């Protein structure tokens, strides 16, 4: 074995990074070793060598200037914007195929749960867990976002109370806020509102900064195809008296009801009082200041009320393509009854109610369940039921109690979690529910935490994961986020 290279330490490095650095330089390939053995060997070698960044290496942090700030912002938010849209779709197809290969490699190499059937499918699908069909394009590729969040801070010239997106890094002391007016995914309507937000906070007597010490922290904009606008400001009241807080509320309301802000046509205005650095359940109060309490969006012929905390897809027209695609997959497998896990305000279940006999929506948030019931009434949907509780315990209780004459034939489940994925307890509960024959997993980040969910659904049963495993039948994607590297991957799983 070649003697290890000599290194010097200039900053702490995690053990996982040390593993990658060391194995790359030493060209080690101990495939029969466990991860713990890897780490023991690395610790042994680290007693003889240390890790460093060469003194002549180029800094990864580019100095931000007036001239390059928009390029840096674009590189982070819309890195594909200068490429033709067909080329963007090809890039996303490559990324989705790579994610499907990563899932297979994780099962084969790390979980050692590959089966002859899965190996055969991977051999026929270029190393993927299943064939990949296509990336469906977004009908609208410019100004498609119906929701935007902006923060407050200093711009590249040191001007305070700038409204935009952060670029740079706080730890490198070069974080500034750039105005997003040149980004192609933001509509002219939202750009006008962002400008009005900046005009407002600059005339306000309260400090505006998204750091820990700001009073005005951020603003969120939502809009609908009919032109309705919901705007809410986030305020941290930690240094305000009750009188000052009332003044902030009244000043904000007056600005958008009678002042210059009236020109942008806000139809629903809120103030979110957040008693902490990050909004969490229990430390926020959302106050309706003026206009309607909700805005209403239409999706595939159905209407949905949207509250400040409601989850709704940010690209309405592409969401219509997504849900039609999922409905076609349900019909293809003759799915009769559907579990909508993490149903939120009921959007997915209501849209898919035309394709199945009955829908059961499950969500842990009581407010979301109430909103979902209102949306079902708004659309006169009779074949849907919403249940509040943790997904895994609710599903178990439904099966044990045969809840409301639960229809167990040809049951499917739609899983559309956030980037954190689903709790593994629910994945295990699905595996233990033989009545569920079909799962459609939708993820905007399939190479992230969702990968663990899909792996747990595909690996053979063992002492930890019980129940017959699923098989990935096909996958496709819908481009919900033009000009970015993201899209929604849809995987159809059967057993």
Protein backbone atom coordinates (compact mmCIF):
# COMPACT_ATOMS: atom_id res chain seq x y z
CA UNK A 1 0.00 0.00 0.00
CA UNK A 2 1.25 3.46 -0.92
CA UNK A 3 2.32 5.61 2.02
CA UNK A 4 -0.33 8.16 3.01
CA UNK A 5 0.00 11.74 1.81
CA UNK A 6 1.02 14.31 4.39
CA UNK A 7 -1.63 16.87 5.23
CA UNK A 8 -1.98 19.71 7.71
CA UNK A 9 -5.22 20.69 9.45
CA UNK A 10 -6.62 24.17 8.86
CA UNK A 11 -10.26 23.55 9.83
CA UNK A 12 -12.33 20.78 11.44
CA UNK A 13 -13.58 18.15 8.98
CA UNK A 14 -16.36 15.62 9.63
CA UNK A 15 -15.52 11.93 9.68
CA UNK A 16 -17.65 11.32 6.56
CA UNK A 17 -15.62 13.90 4.64
CA UNK A 18 -12.40 12.37 5.95
CA UNK A 19 -13.63 9.03 4.69
CA UNK A 20 -14.20 10.40 1.17
CA UNK A 21 -10.88 12.28 1.11
CA UNK A 22 -8.88 9.36 2.43
CA UNK A 23 -10.45 6.67 0.22
CA UNK A 24 -10.10 8.89 -2.85
CA UNK A 25 -6.40 9.50 -2.29
CA UNK A 26 -5.58 5.98 -1.20
CA UNK A 27 -7.88 4.35 -3.83
CA UNK A 28 -9.26 1.96 -1.25
CA UNK A 29 -12.17 -0.32 -2.13
CA UNK A 30 -12.92 -2.57 0.84
CA UNK A 31 -16.41 -3.51 -0.33
CA UNK A 32 -16.67 -6.35 2.16
CA UNK A 33 -16.04 -4.05 5.13
CA UNK A 34 -18.81 -2.50 7.20
CA UNK A 35 -19.07 1.24 7.74
CA UNK A 36 -17.85 0.86 11.33
CA UNK A 37 -14.77 -0.96 10.07
CA UNK A 38 -14.19 1.85 7.59
CA UNK A 39 -14.25 4.35 10.41
CA UNK A 40 -11.85 2.31 12.55
CA UNK A 41 -9.38 2.12 9.69
CA UNK A 42 -9.70 5.84 9.04
CA UNK A 43 -9.06 6.66 12.71
CA UNK A 44 -5.97 4.48 12.59
CA UNK A 45 -4.60 6.23 9.50
CA UNK A 46 -5.48 9.68 10.85
CA UNK A 47 -2.99 9.11 13.62
CA UNK A 48 -0.36 9.27 10.87
CA UNK A 49 -1.81 11.94 8.59
CA UNK A 50 -3.95 15.05 8.87
CA UNK A 51 -6.24 16.84 6.47
CA UNK A 52 -5.80 20.28 5.00
CA UNK A 53 -6.95 22.66 2.28
CA UNK A 54 -3.93 23.69 0.14
CA UNK A 55 -2.86 27.25 0.78
CA UNK A 56 -3.04 28.12 -2.92
CA UNK A 57 -6.57 26.79 -3.42
CA UNK A 58 -9.04 29.28 -4.86
CA UNK A 59 -11.67 30.55 -2.45
CA UNK A 60 -15.15 29.22 -3.15
CA UNK A 61 -16.71 32.51 -2.08
CA UNK A 62 -16.91 35.09 -4.83
CA UNK A 63 -16.85 38.72 -3.77
CA UNK A 64 -20.33 40.12 -4.36
CA UNK A 65 -20.57 43.37 -6.27
CA UNK A 66 -23.26 45.51 -7.87
CA UNK A 67 -22.36 43.96 -11.23
CA UNK A 68 -22.32 40.25 -10.31
CA UNK A 69 -25.05 40.04 -7.66
CA UNK A 70 -27.82 39.13 -10.13
CA UNK A 71 -25.71 36.45 -11.76
CA UNK A 72 -24.99 34.97 -8.34
CA UNK A 73 -28.68 35.11 -7.46
CA UNK A 74 -29.63 33.43 -10.74
CA UNK A 75 -27.02 30.71 -10.21
CA UNK A 76 -28.74 29.80 -6.93
CA UNK A 77 -32.45 30.32 -7.73
CA UNK A 78 -32.79 29.71 -11.49
CA UNK A 79 -29.52 28.15 -12.67
CA UNK A 80 -30.98 26.86 -15.96
CA UNK A 81 -32.65 30.07 -17.11
CA UNK A 82 -30.17 30.80 -19.93
CA UNK A 83 -30.70 27.39 -21.54
CA UNK A 84 -33.46 26.53 -24.05
CA UNK A 85 -36.41 24.89 -22.35
CA UNK A 86 -35.98 21.59 -24.21
CA UNK A 87 -32.41 21.43 -22.90
CA UNK A 88 -33.71 22.07 -19.38
CA UNK A 89 -36.05 19.09 -19.72
CA UNK A 90 -33.16 16.88 -20.88
CA UNK A 91 -31.14 17.92 -17.83
CA UNK A 92 -34.05 17.06 -15.54
CA UNK A 93 -34.52 13.69 -17.22
CA UNK A 94 -30.85 12.95 -16.54
CA UNK A 95 -31.25 13.97 -12.87
CA UNK A 96 -34.38 11.84 -12.44
CA UNK A 97 -32.72 8.81 -14.03
CA UNK A 98 -29.72 9.33 -11.75
CA UNK A 99 -32.04 9.40 -8.71
CA UNK A 100 -33.64 6.10 -9.78
CA UNK A 101 -30.15 4.57 -10.13
CA UNK A 102 -29.18 5.88 -6.71
CA UNK A 103 -32.19 4.15 -5.15
CA UNK A 104 -31.17 0.84 -6.74
CA UNK A 105 -27.53 1.22 -5.69
CA UNK A 106 -28.60 2.03 -2.12
CA UNK A 107 -30.67 -1.15 -1.98
CA UNK A 108 -27.97 -3.27 -3.55
CA UNK A 109 -24.84 -1.95 -1.84
CA UNK A 110 -25.92 -0.58 1.55
CA UNK A 111 -29.09 -2.46 2.41
CA UNK A 112 -28.10 -5.68 0.61
CA UNK A 113 -31.78 -6.09 -0.09
CA UNK A 114 -31.68 -6.56 -3.83
CA UNK A 115 -33.72 -9.43 -5.26
CA UNK A 116 -33.24 -11.29 -8.55
CA UNK A 117 -36.39 -9.59 -9.82
CA UNK A 118 -35.08 -6.12 -8.97
CA UNK A 119 -31.67 -6.93 -10.45
CA UNK A 120 -33.32 -8.03 -13.69
CA UNK A 121 -35.40 -4.83 -13.87
CA UNK A 122 -32.29 -2.71 -13.22
CA UNK A 123 -30.36 -4.56 -15.94
CA UNK A 124 -33.15 -3.82 -18.40
CA UNK A 125 -33.51 -0.19 -17.26
CA UNK A 126 -29.89 1.00 -17.33
CA UNK A 127 -29.40 0.50 -13.59
CA UNK A 128 -32.69 2.13 -12.52
CA UNK A 129 -35.28 0.62 -10.20
CA UNK A 130 -37.82 0.85 -13.05
CA UNK A 131 -38.24 2.28 -16.56
CA UNK A 132 -38.42 6.07 -16.79
CA UNK A 133 -41.06 7.31 -19.24
CA UNK A 134 -40.68 11.09 -19.72
CA UNK A 135 -40.54 14.56 -18.19
CA UNK A 136 -43.82 16.35 -18.89
CA UNK A 137 -43.24 20.07 -19.54
CA UNK A 138 -44.87 22.90 -17.64
CA UNK A 139 -47.54 24.68 -19.72
CA UNK A 140 -46.21 28.02 -18.37
CA UNK A 141 -42.47 28.59 -17.98
CA UNK A 142 -42.24 32.32 -17.16
CA UNK A 143 -43.73 34.04 -14.09
CA UNK A 144 -45.36 30.80 -12.99
CA UNK A 145 -44.85 31.04 -9.21
CA UNK A 146 -48.04 31.75 -7.27
CA UNK A 147 -46.12 32.06 -3.99
CA UNK A 148 -42.96 33.99 -3.17
CA UNK A 149 -41.24 34.68 0.15
CA UNK A 150 -38.87 37.64 0.46
CA UNK A 151 -36.56 38.66 3.30
CA UNK A 152 -35.17 41.96 4.53
CA UNK A 153 -31.61 43.13 5.05
CA UNK A 154 -28.69 45.07 3.53
CA UNK A 155 -27.93 45.12 -0.17
CA UNK A 156 -24.47 44.84 -1.71
CA UNK A 157 -23.89 48.58 -1.18
CA UNK A 158 -24.85 48.45 2.50
CA UNK A 159 -28.31 49.98 2.05
CA UNK A 160 -30.61 48.70 4.78
CA UNK A 161 -34.25 47.63 4.41
CA UNK A 162 -33.66 45.96 1.06
CA UNK A 163 -36.27 43.38 0.07
CA UNK A 164 -35.17 40.31 -1.86
CA UNK A 165 -33.35 36.99 -1.67
CA UNK A 166 -30.17 36.38 0.26
CA UNK A 167 -26.95 35.51 -1.53
CA UNK A 168 -23.59 34.76 0.03
CA UNK A 169 -23.15 33.22 3.45
CA UNK A 170 -23.58 34.67 6.91
CA UNK A 171 -20.54 32.76 8.24
CA UNK A 172 -18.38 34.27 5.49
CA UNK A 173 -19.72 37.74 6.37
CA UNK A 174 -20.69 38.40 2.76
CA UNK A 175 -24.43 37.74 2.86
CA UNK A 176 -26.47 40.45 1.16
CA UNK A 177 -29.99 40.75 -0.26
CA UNK A 178 -30.56 41.12 -4.00
CA UNK A 179 -33.79 42.28 -5.58
CA UNK A 180 -35.33 39.44 -7.61
CA UNK A 181 -36.79 41.54 -10.42
CA UNK A 182 -34.76 39.79 -13.15
CA UNK A 183 -35.70 36.22 -12.15
CA UNK A 184 -37.83 34.58 -14.87
CA UNK A 185 -40.08 32.57 -12.54
CA UNK A 186 -41.57 35.63 -10.79
CA UNK A 187 -44.55 37.38 -12.39
CA UNK A 188 -44.80 41.12 -12.98
CA UNK A 189 -47.64 41.20 -10.47
CA UNK A 190 -45.44 39.75 -7.72
CA UNK A 191 -42.56 42.07 -8.65
CA UNK A 192 -44.85 45.07 -8.15
CA UNK A 193 -45.90 43.75 -4.75
CA UNK A 194 -42.27 43.16 -3.73
CA UNK A 195 -41.55 46.77 -4.66
CA UNK A 196 -44.49 47.94 -2.52
CA UNK A 197 -43.21 45.85 0.41
CA UNK A 198 -39.83 47.57 0.18
CA UNK A 199 -41.47 51.00 -0.03
CA UNK A 200 -43.48 50.18 3.08
CA UNK A 201 -40.67 48.92 5.32
CA UNK A 202 -38.41 51.82 4.30
CA UNK A 203 -40.95 54.35 5.54
CA UNK A 204 -41.68 52.32 8.71
CA UNK A 205 -40.07 53.44 11.96
CA UNK A 206 -39.29 49.83 12.92
CA UNK A 207 -36.07 48.02 12.03
CA UNK A 208 -36.36 45.56 9.14
CA UNK A 209 -33.89 42.70 9.05
CA UNK A 210 -34.29 38.92 8.63
CA UNK A 211 -31.52 38.32 11.16
CA UNK A 212 -32.20 37.59 14.80
CA UNK A 213 -32.55 41.28 15.69
CA UNK A 214 -35.06 42.48 13.09
CA UNK A 215 -38.61 43.65 13.88
CA UNK A 216 -39.93 43.30 10.33
CA UNK A 217 -38.57 39.90 9.26
CA UNK A 218 -40.08 38.83 5.94
CA UNK A 219 -43.12 38.94 3.68
CA UNK A 220 -45.00 36.22 1.76
CA UNK A 221 -47.07 36.76 -1.37
CA UNK A 222 -49.68 34.38 -2.78
CA UNK A 223 -51.85 34.90 -5.85
CA UNK A 224 -54.45 33.05 -7.92
CA UNK A 225 -55.30 32.81 -11.61
CA UNK A 226 -58.21 35.19 -10.99
CA UNK A 227 -55.82 37.85 -9.70
CA UNK A 228 -56.52 37.58 -5.98
CA UNK A 229 -53.54 38.49 -3.80
CA UNK A 230 -52.77 37.42 -0.25
CA UNK A 231 -49.93 39.26 1.49
CA UNK A 232 -48.65 38.73 4.99
CA UNK A 233 -45.78 40.21 6.91
CA UNK A 234 -43.80 38.40 9.60
CA UNK A 235 -42.94 40.52 12.64
CA UNK A 236 -40.85 39.70 15.72
CA UNK A 237 -42.26 41.71 18.66
CA UNK A 238 -39.49 40.91 21.16
CA UNK A 239 -38.55 44.58 21.77
CA UNK A 240 -41.98 46.15 21.18
CA UNK A 241 -44.45 47.33 23.78
CA UNK A 242 -48.11 46.51 23.29
CA UNK A 243 -48.72 50.07 22.08
CA UNK A 244 -45.93 49.80 19.51
CA UNK A 245 -47.30 46.47 18.31
CA UNK A 246 -50.74 48.01 17.83
CA UNK A 247 -49.13 50.89 15.96
CA UNK A 248 -47.37 48.44 13.62
CA UNK A 249 -50.65 46.63 12.91
CA UNK A 250 -52.59 49.81 12.24
CA UNK A 251 -49.82 51.33 10.12
CA UNK A 252 -49.58 48.22 7.94
CA UNK A 253 -53.35 47.99 7.52
CA UNK A 254 -53.66 51.67 6.60
CA UNK A 255 -50.81 51.50 4.07
CA UNK A 256 -52.51 48.76 2.03
CA UNK A 257 -56.10 49.90 2.59
CA UNK A 258 -55.81 53.68 2.15
CA UNK A 259 -52.16 54.48 1.39
CA UNK A 260 -49.81 53.87 -1.57
CA UNK A 261 -50.10 50.10 -1.15
CA UNK A 262 -53.70 50.18 -2.38
CA UNK A 263 -52.40 50.36 -5.96
CA UNK A 264 -51.14 46.74 -5.97
CA UNK A 265 -54.62 45.39 -5.15
CA UNK A 266 -54.04 43.20 -2.08
CA UNK A 267 -57.29 41.33 -1.41
CA UNK A 268 -56.24 39.59 1.84
CA UNK A 269 -53.78 41.14 4.32
CA UNK A 270 -52.30 39.37 7.35
CA UNK A 271 -49.70 40.00 10.03
CA UNK A 272 -47.90 37.03 11.55
CA UNK A 273 -46.46 37.81 14.97
CA UNK A 274 -43.59 35.37 15.55
CA UNK A 275 -42.10 35.29 19.05
CA UNK A 276 -38.87 33.61 18.00
CA UNK A 277 -36.29 33.37 15.26
CA UNK A 278 -38.22 30.73 13.32
CA UNK A 279 -42.04 30.39 13.11
CA UNK A 280 -43.12 27.24 14.90
CA UNK A 281 -46.34 25.81 16.22
CA UNK A 282 -47.15 27.64 19.44
CA UNK A 283 -44.90 30.69 19.02
CA UNK A 284 -46.83 32.48 16.28
CA UNK A 285 -50.10 34.36 16.02
CA UNK A 286 -51.59 35.07 12.61
CA UNK A 287 -53.76 38.21 12.60
CA UNK A 288 -56.15 39.02 9.77
CA UNK A 289 -55.93 42.77 9.11
CA UNK A 290 -58.14 43.48 6.10
CA UNK A 291 -59.86 42.01 3.04
CA UNK A 292 -61.05 38.43 2.74
CA UNK A 293 -59.80 35.71 5.06
CA UNK A 294 -59.05 33.39 2.15
CA UNK A 295 -58.23 33.49 -1.52
CA UNK A 296 -59.70 30.92 -3.91
CA UNK A 297 -57.88 29.02 -6.63
CA UNK A 298 -59.28 26.74 -9.33
CA UNK A 299 -57.50 23.54 -10.32
CA UNK A 300 -58.81 21.10 -12.93
CA UNK A 301 -62.32 22.51 -12.53
CA UNK A 302 -62.36 22.37 -8.72
CA UNK A 303 -62.10 25.28 -6.30
CA UNK A 304 -59.88 25.52 -3.23
CA UNK A 305 -59.72 28.07 -0.45
CA UNK A 306 -56.18 29.02 0.52
CA UNK A 307 -55.30 30.32 3.99
CA UNK A 308 -51.88 31.74 4.95
CA UNK A 309 -50.56 28.39 6.23
CA UNK A 310 -52.14 26.25 3.49
CA UNK A 311 -49.87 24.16 1.31
CA UNK A 312 -50.55 24.62 -2.39
CA UNK A 313 -48.38 23.79 -5.40
CA UNK A 314 -46.47 26.90 -6.55
CA UNK A 315 -47.10 26.27 -10.27
CA UNK A 316 -50.86 26.01 -10.82
CA UNK A 317 -50.90 24.99 -14.48
CA UNK A 318 -48.18 22.35 -14.01
CA UNK A 319 -50.05 21.06 -10.94
CA UNK A 320 -53.03 20.38 -13.20
CA UNK A 321 -50.77 18.25 -15.41
CA UNK A 322 -49.39 16.45 -12.34
CA UNK A 323 -52.76 15.48 -10.90
CA UNK A 324 -54.16 14.37 -14.26
CA UNK A 325 -51.10 12.15 -14.63
CA UNK A 326 -51.61 10.62 -11.18
CA UNK A 327 -55.30 10.04 -11.96
CA UNK A 328 -54.36 8.15 -15.12
CA UNK A 329 -52.02 5.91 -13.10
CA UNK A 330 -54.83 5.12 -10.65
CA UNK A 331 -57.21 4.18 -13.47
CA UNK A 332 -54.51 2.07 -15.10
CA UNK A 333 -54.22 -0.08 -11.93
CA UNK A 334 -58.01 -0.10 -11.29
CA UNK A 335 -57.47 1.50 -7.87
CA UNK A 336 -60.87 1.80 -6.18
CA UNK A 337 -60.06 3.31 -2.79
CA UNK A 338 -57.34 5.79 -2.00
CA UNK A 339 -55.42 6.91 1.09
CA UNK A 340 -54.25 10.55 0.84
CA UNK A 341 -51.44 10.68 3.38
CA UNK A 342 -50.58 14.12 4.74
CA UNK A 343 -53.61 15.45 2.91
CA UNK A 344 -53.26 19.03 4.18
CA UNK A 345 -56.21 21.06 2.91
CA UNK A 346 -57.43 18.13 0.79
CA UNK A 347 -56.24 19.30 -2.61
CA UNK A 348 -54.88 15.97 -3.87
CA UNK A 349 -57.70 13.81 -2.53
CA UNK A 350 -60.39 16.11 -3.93
CA UNK A 351 -58.72 16.26 -7.36
CA UNK A 352 -58.36 12.47 -7.45
CA UNK A 353 -61.87 11.74 -6.15
CA UNK A 354 -63.11 11.54 -9.76
CA UNK A 355 -60.80 8.58 -10.45
CA UNK A 356 -61.65 6.33 -7.46
CA UNK A 357 -64.68 5.16 -5.48
CA UNK A 358 -63.61 6.59 -2.12
CA UNK A 359 -60.81 8.74 -0.65
CA UNK A 360 -59.54 8.82 2.95
CA UNK A 361 -57.44 11.87 3.80
CA UNK A 362 -55.14 11.78 6.85
CA UNK A 363 -53.34 14.74 8.39
CA UNK A 364 -51.98 15.60 11.85
CA UNK A 365 -53.05 19.28 11.74
CA UNK A 366 -56.64 19.90 12.93
CA UNK A 367 -56.78 23.26 11.11
CA UNK A 368 -55.78 21.59 7.84
CA UNK A 369 -58.47 18.92 8.28
CA UNK A 370 -61.13 21.59 8.86
CA UNK A 371 -60.00 23.44 5.75
CA UNK A 372 -60.06 20.18 3.79
CA UNK A 373 -63.65 19.54 4.84
CA UNK A 374 -64.60 23.05 3.69
CA UNK A 375 -62.93 22.44 0.34
CA UNK A 376 -64.86 19.17 -0.06
CA UNK A 377 -68.13 21.00 0.63
CA UNK A 378 -67.16 23.78 -1.78
CA UNK A 379 -66.85 21.19 -4.56
CA UNK A 380 -69.76 18.99 -3.42
CA UNK A 381 -67.48 15.96 -3.07
CA UNK A 382 -69.35 13.10 -1.39
CA UNK A 383 -66.85 10.23 -1.67
CA UNK A 384 -64.15 11.65 0.58
CA UNK A 385 -63.51 11.50 4.32
CA UNK A 386 -60.87 13.31 6.36
CA UNK A 387 -59.29 11.97 9.55
CA UNK A 388 -57.03 13.82 11.98
CA UNK A 389 -54.07 12.02 13.53
CA UNK A 390 -50.59 10.60 13.03
CA UNK A 391 -50.54 8.70 9.75
CA UNK A 392 -49.23 5.36 11.04
CA UNK A 393 -51.52 5.19 14.09
CA UNK A 394 -54.56 6.40 12.14
CA UNK A 395 -54.04 3.79 9.40
CA UNK A 396 -53.64 1.02 11.99
CA UNK A 397 -56.79 2.14 13.78
CA UNK A 398 -58.72 2.34 10.51
CA UNK A 399 -57.85 -1.25 9.67
CA UNK A 400 -58.54 -2.60 13.18
CA UNK A 401 -61.87 -0.80 13.55
CA UNK A 402 -62.90 -1.10 9.88
CA UNK A 403 -63.58 2.62 10.13
CA UNK A 404 -66.94 3.65 8.62
CA UNK A 405 -67.11 0.44 6.62
CA UNK A 406 -63.61 0.96 5.23
CA UNK A 407 -63.43 -0.32 1.69
CA UNK A 408 -60.36 -2.52 1.48
CA UNK A 409 -60.59 -3.73 -2.11
CA UNK A 410 -58.10 -2.41 -4.67
CA UNK A 411 -56.72 0.09 -2.18
CA UNK A 412 -54.00 2.52 -3.14
CA UNK A 413 -52.11 5.32 -1.42
CA UNK A 414 -50.83 8.66 -2.65
CA UNK A 415 -47.69 9.82 -0.83
CA UNK A 416 -46.62 13.39 -1.50
CA UNK A 417 -44.48 14.42 1.49
CA UNK A 418 -42.25 17.44 1.79
CA UNK A 419 -38.49 17.19 1.38
CA UNK A 420 -38.16 15.58 4.83
CA UNK A 421 -40.03 12.51 3.60
CA UNK A 422 -42.46 10.41 5.64
CA UNK A 423 -42.01 8.94 9.10
CA UNK A 424 -40.60 5.43 8.74
CA UNK A 425 -43.30 4.15 11.12
CA UNK A 426 -45.92 4.93 8.50
CA UNK A 427 -43.86 3.25 5.77
CA UNK A 428 -43.71 0.16 7.98
CA UNK A 429 -47.48 0.41 8.59
CA UNK A 430 -48.09 0.47 4.83
CA UNK A 431 -45.90 -2.60 4.39
CA UNK A 432 -47.97 -4.34 7.08
CA UNK A 433 -51.25 -3.46 5.38
CA UNK A 434 -51.71 -6.16 2.68
CA UNK A 435 -54.85 -4.41 1.46
CA UNK A 436 -52.71 -1.61 -0.03
CA UNK A 437 -51.74 -2.88 -3.48
CA UNK A 438 -50.69 0.33 -5.22
CA UNK A 439 -48.66 3.36 -4.08
CA UNK A 440 -47.90 6.51 -6.03
CA UNK A 441 -44.94 8.31 -4.48
CA UNK A 442 -44.43 11.94 -5.53
CA UNK A 443 -41.26 13.78 -4.57
CA UNK A 444 -39.61 17.04 -5.59
CA UNK A 445 -36.31 15.77 -4.14
CA UNK A 446 -36.11 12.02 -4.76
CA UNK A 447 -32.37 11.83 -4.07
CA UNK A 448 -32.87 13.29 -0.58
CA UNK A 449 -34.85 11.99 2.39
CA UNK A 450 -37.55 10.53 0.13
CA UNK A 451 -34.97 7.97 -1.01
CA UNK A 452 -35.15 6.25 2.38
CA UNK A 453 -38.94 5.91 2.09
CA UNK A 454 -38.73 4.34 -1.37
CA UNK A 455 -35.93 1.99 -0.30
CA UNK A 456 -37.99 0.81 2.70
CA UNK A 457 -40.94 0.10 0.41
CA UNK A 458 -38.84 -1.93 -2.05
CA UNK A 459 -36.52 -4.06 0.12
CA UNK A 460 -37.59 -7.62 1.09
CA UNK A 461 -39.06 -8.07 4.54
CA UNK A 462 -36.75 -8.77 7.47
CA UNK A 463 -36.88 -8.67 11.27
CA UNK A 464 -37.44 -4.88 11.20
CA UNK A 465 -39.58 -4.33 8.10
CA UNK A 466 -42.47 -6.77 7.89
CA UNK A 467 -44.93 -7.26 5.07
CA UNK A 468 -44.57 -8.02 1.38
CA UNK A 469 -42.39 -5.52 -0.45
CA UNK A 470 -43.51 -3.34 -3.36
CA UNK A 471 -42.08 -3.26 -6.87
CA UNK A 472 -41.42 -0.07 -8.82
CA UNK A 473 -43.38 -0.42 -12.03
CA UNK A 474 -42.68 2.88 -13.82
CA UNK A 475 -41.63 6.45 -13.19
CA UNK A 476 -42.14 9.79 -14.89
CA UNK A 477 -41.74 13.43 -13.94
CA UNK A 478 -43.64 16.71 -14.26
CA UNK A 479 -41.66 19.93 -14.50
CA UNK A 480 -43.16 22.09 -11.76
CA UNK A 481 -40.16 24.42 -11.55
CA UNK A 482 -38.86 25.66 -14.94
CA UNK A 483 -35.39 27.26 -14.96
CA UNK A 484 -34.39 25.30 -11.82
CA UNK A 485 -32.90 21.83 -11.43
CA UNK A 486 -36.02 20.53 -9.66
CA UNK A 487 -39.11 18.71 -10.86
CA UNK A 488 -41.69 16.33 -9.39
CA UNK A 489 -40.80 12.64 -9.77
CA UNK A 490 -43.78 10.27 -9.78
CA UNK A 491 -43.11 6.58 -9.07
CA UNK A 492 -45.80 3.91 -9.38
CA UNK A 493 -45.26 1.04 -6.89
CA UNK A 494 -47.26 -2.19 -6.94
CA UNK A 495 -47.34 -5.57 -5.19
